[in-house]
């Protein structure tokens, strides 16, 4: 599996959608003035909703950052004061799985939840648990924001080829070609599909 999925860079797609709603209100000022009382109520609700959503996004980001900090912890006898540290790799792995698992469960369907699940999938595959890795990746494909779901499709397709499920890999990549995203272009998906087909029929 591609190691670049170990760290997924956060984007602001969710926040941009919130600002889109704010811009809508701003560009309909004339209509709002006709109904001053209603406008005030709408703005109060919108402002409160934005604050709540923004606050929730910050909470999710902090939870994910804490999990990533554990993932970056050092292991072994030499303690580094600047980092989290675990005596053994097993202790670190257990702490990492727990932290990402909590983020994935609590914030399922969000970008932070998707990043946590991608990390859980990577970790499972690293441990040789292909079925576990497949489960986490499929969950991101099915429920994650499109930018992360498409990344999960690429990873899942690679995993399918490792498992000999080339037909399944081709199916999800063909769907991605029809529905490219901001993180995976149509051309990138086509290239991934060509690689799978080459493995399916190396003499073709």
Protein backbone atom coordinates (compact mmCIF):
# COMPACT_ATOMS: atom_id res chain seq x y z
CA UNK A 1 0.00 0.00 0.00
CA UNK A 2 1.20 3.52 -0.82
CA UNK A 3 2.92 4.98 2.24
CA UNK A 4 1.79 8.49 1.32
CA UNK A 5 -1.54 7.61 2.91
CA UNK A 6 0.26 7.56 6.26
CA UNK A 7 -0.16 11.30 6.46
CA UNK A 8 -3.13 12.97 4.79
CA UNK A 9 -2.99 16.74 4.55
CA UNK A 10 -6.08 18.44 5.97
CA UNK A 11 -8.06 20.62 3.56
CA UNK A 12 -10.67 23.31 4.22
CA UNK A 13 -13.45 21.94 1.99
CA UNK A 14 -15.88 21.73 4.90
CA UNK A 15 -15.17 25.26 6.11
CA UNK A 16 -15.45 26.61 2.57
CA UNK A 17 -18.94 25.17 2.37
CA UNK A 18 -19.87 27.03 5.57
CA UNK A 19 -18.52 30.29 4.14
CA UNK A 20 -20.59 29.68 1.02
CA UNK A 21 -23.69 29.90 3.22
CA UNK A 22 -22.42 33.09 4.83
CA UNK A 23 -21.80 34.64 1.39
CA UNK A 24 -25.36 33.74 0.37
CA UNK A 25 -26.75 35.76 3.27
CA UNK A 26 -24.43 38.68 2.51
CA UNK A 27 -25.49 38.88 -1.14
CA UNK A 28 -29.18 38.92 -0.26
CA UNK A 29 -29.02 42.01 1.96
CA UNK A 30 -31.83 43.81 0.13
CA UNK A 31 -34.26 40.97 0.71
CA UNK A 32 -33.26 40.69 4.33
CA UNK A 33 -33.92 44.38 4.93
CA UNK A 34 -37.55 43.89 3.89
CA UNK A 35 -38.00 41.61 6.84
CA UNK A 36 -35.84 43.17 9.54
CA UNK A 37 -37.07 41.03 12.39
CA UNK A 38 -36.81 37.82 10.40
CA UNK A 39 -33.41 38.84 9.07
CA UNK A 40 -32.14 39.41 12.57
CA UNK A 41 -33.34 35.99 13.65
CA UNK A 42 -31.81 34.36 10.58
CA UNK A 43 -28.48 36.05 11.15
CA UNK A 44 -28.47 35.08 14.81
CA UNK A 45 -29.21 31.48 13.95
CA UNK A 46 -26.66 31.49 11.11
CA UNK A 47 -24.05 33.10 13.33
CA UNK A 48 -24.72 30.65 16.11
CA UNK A 49 -24.63 27.73 13.70
CA UNK A 50 -21.38 28.92 12.17
CA UNK A 51 -19.81 29.31 15.61
CA UNK A 52 -20.98 25.84 16.60
CA UNK A 53 -19.77 24.24 13.36
CA UNK A 54 -16.45 26.06 13.53
CA UNK A 55 -16.03 25.03 17.16
CA UNK A 56 -16.84 21.42 16.32
CA UNK A 57 -14.31 21.49 13.48
CA UNK A 58 -11.66 22.77 15.89
CA UNK A 59 -12.49 19.98 18.34
CA UNK A 60 -12.16 17.36 15.60
CA UNK A 61 -8.86 18.82 14.42
CA UNK A 62 -7.47 18.79 17.96
CA UNK A 63 -8.51 15.16 18.45
CA UNK A 64 -6.86 14.16 15.18
CA UNK A 65 -3.72 16.15 16.01
CA UNK A 66 -3.45 14.30 19.32
CA UNK A 67 -3.72 10.95 17.52
CA UNK A 68 -1.10 11.98 14.97
CA UNK A 69 1.22 13.04 17.80
CA UNK A 70 1.01 9.52 19.22
CA UNK A 71 1.69 8.12 15.76
CA UNK A 72 4.86 10.25 15.63
CA UNK A 73 6.06 9.10 19.05
CA UNK A 74 9.52 7.62 19.44
CA UNK A 75 10.18 4.06 20.60
CA UNK A 76 13.07 2.45 22.46
CA UNK A 77 15.47 3.12 25.30
CA UNK A 78 16.49 6.62 24.24
CA UNK A 79 13.83 9.05 25.44
CA UNK A 80 13.50 12.31 23.49
CA UNK A 81 11.95 15.00 25.66
CA UNK A 82 10.37 16.83 22.74
CA UNK A 83 8.28 13.82 21.66
CA UNK A 84 5.88 11.33 23.12
CA UNK A 85 7.79 8.14 23.85
CA UNK A 86 6.95 4.48 24.29
CA UNK A 87 9.17 1.72 25.59
CA UNK A 88 8.11 -0.76 22.91
CA UNK A 89 6.60 -0.68 19.44
CA UNK A 90 3.69 -2.77 20.69
CA UNK A 91 2.79 -0.14 23.30
CA UNK A 92 2.95 2.58 20.68
CA UNK A 93 0.85 0.57 18.20
CA UNK A 94 -1.82 -0.08 20.81
CA UNK A 95 -1.96 3.61 21.78
CA UNK A 96 -2.07 4.66 18.13
CA UNK A 97 -4.89 2.27 17.26
CA UNK A 98 -6.88 3.42 20.28
CA UNK A 99 -6.46 7.11 19.46
CA UNK A 100 -7.29 6.79 15.77
CA UNK A 101 -10.13 4.41 16.60
CA UNK A 102 -11.73 6.97 18.89
CA UNK A 103 -11.47 9.72 16.26
CA UNK A 104 -12.83 7.45 13.52
CA UNK A 105 -15.79 6.38 15.64
CA UNK A 106 -16.65 9.75 17.17
CA UNK A 107 -16.26 11.78 13.97
CA UNK A 108 -17.39 9.22 11.42
CA UNK A 109 -18.15 10.77 8.04
CA UNK A 110 -15.97 13.85 8.57
CA UNK A 111 -12.55 14.55 7.08
CA UNK A 112 -10.90 13.93 10.45
CA UNK A 113 -12.75 10.63 10.81
CA UNK A 114 -11.69 9.66 7.31
CA UNK A 115 -8.03 10.48 7.99
CA UNK A 116 -8.16 8.40 11.17
CA UNK A 117 -9.70 5.47 9.28
CA UNK A 118 -7.06 5.73 6.55
CA UNK A 119 -4.39 5.50 9.21
CA UNK A 120 -6.15 2.54 10.82
CA UNK A 121 -6.31 0.84 7.43
CA UNK A 122 -2.62 1.48 6.84
CA UNK A 123 -1.76 0.15 10.27
CA UNK A 124 -3.81 -3.00 9.77
CA UNK A 125 -2.10 -3.75 6.46
CA UNK A 126 1.31 -3.09 8.02
CA UNK A 127 0.48 -5.75 10.61
CA UNK A 128 -0.55 -8.19 7.88
CA UNK A 129 -4.25 -7.84 8.64
CA UNK A 130 -5.47 -7.35 5.08
CA UNK A 131 -9.10 -7.98 5.96
CA UNK A 132 -8.93 -5.29 8.65
CA UNK A 133 -7.27 -2.87 6.26
CA UNK A 134 -9.93 -3.54 3.65
CA UNK A 135 -12.68 -2.87 6.18
CA UNK A 136 -11.34 0.55 7.16
CA UNK A 137 -10.66 1.61 3.57
CA UNK A 138 -14.11 0.53 2.39
CA UNK A 139 -15.65 2.56 5.18
CA UNK A 140 -13.86 5.70 3.96
CA UNK A 141 -14.93 4.95 0.38
CA UNK A 142 -18.55 4.60 1.48
CA UNK A 143 -18.84 7.39 4.05
CA UNK A 144 -15.88 9.77 3.84
CA UNK A 145 -15.80 13.18 2.11
CA UNK A 146 -15.10 12.73 -1.60
CA UNK A 147 -11.52 14.05 -1.39
CA UNK A 148 -10.65 11.29 1.07
CA UNK A 149 -12.95 8.63 -0.36
CA UNK A 150 -11.14 8.84 -3.69
CA UNK A 151 -7.77 8.43 -1.97
CA UNK A 152 -9.20 5.40 -0.19
CA UNK A 153 -10.30 3.97 -3.56
CA UNK A 154 -6.72 4.09 -4.82
CA UNK A 155 -5.45 2.39 -1.67
CA UNK A 156 -8.24 -0.17 -1.71
CA UNK A 157 -7.57 -0.99 -5.36
CA UNK A 158 -3.93 -1.69 -4.48
CA UNK A 159 -5.04 -3.88 -1.61
CA UNK A 160 -7.45 -5.78 -3.84
CA UNK A 161 -4.64 -6.54 -6.28
CA UNK A 162 -2.50 -7.84 -3.40
CA UNK A 163 -5.37 -10.12 -2.45
CA UNK A 164 -5.87 -11.22 -6.05
CA UNK A 165 -9.22 -9.44 -6.34
CA UNK A 166 -8.34 -7.67 -9.57
CA UNK A 167 -11.92 -7.57 -10.83
CA UNK A 168 -12.96 -5.70 -7.67
CA UNK A 169 -10.06 -3.30 -8.11
CA UNK A 170 -11.04 -2.60 -11.71
CA UNK A 171 -14.66 -2.00 -10.74
CA UNK A 172 -13.96 0.68 -8.14
CA UNK A 173 -11.36 2.38 -10.34
CA UNK A 174 -13.76 2.49 -13.28
CA UNK A 175 -16.27 4.23 -11.03
CA UNK A 176 -13.58 6.68 -9.90
CA UNK A 177 -12.77 7.48 -13.53
CA UNK A 178 -16.41 8.45 -14.00
CA UNK A 179 -16.39 10.47 -10.77
CA UNK A 180 -12.97 12.14 -10.33
CA UNK A 181 -12.35 14.43 -7.35
CA UNK A 182 -10.12 17.34 -6.39
CA UNK A 183 -7.54 14.89 -5.02
CA UNK A 184 -7.72 12.18 -7.70
CA UNK A 185 -8.05 13.23 -11.32
CA UNK A 186 -9.59 11.15 -14.08
CA UNK A 187 -6.12 10.65 -15.56
CA UNK A 188 -4.70 9.39 -12.26
CA UNK A 189 -7.56 6.93 -11.89
CA UNK A 190 -7.04 5.75 -15.49
CA UNK A 191 -3.35 5.18 -14.80
CA UNK A 192 -4.18 3.15 -11.69
CA UNK A 193 -6.65 1.06 -13.70
CA UNK A 194 -4.07 0.44 -16.42
CA UNK A 195 -1.64 -0.86 -13.80
CA UNK A 196 -4.24 -3.26 -12.43
CA UNK A 197 -5.10 -4.52 -15.89
CA UNK A 198 -1.41 -5.01 -16.65
CA UNK A 199 -1.12 -7.23 -13.58
CA UNK A 200 -4.27 -9.11 -14.56
CA UNK A 201 -2.93 -9.81 -18.04
CA UNK A 202 0.84 -9.23 -18.13
CA UNK A 203 0.99 -10.55 -21.69
CA UNK A 204 -1.90 -8.38 -22.89
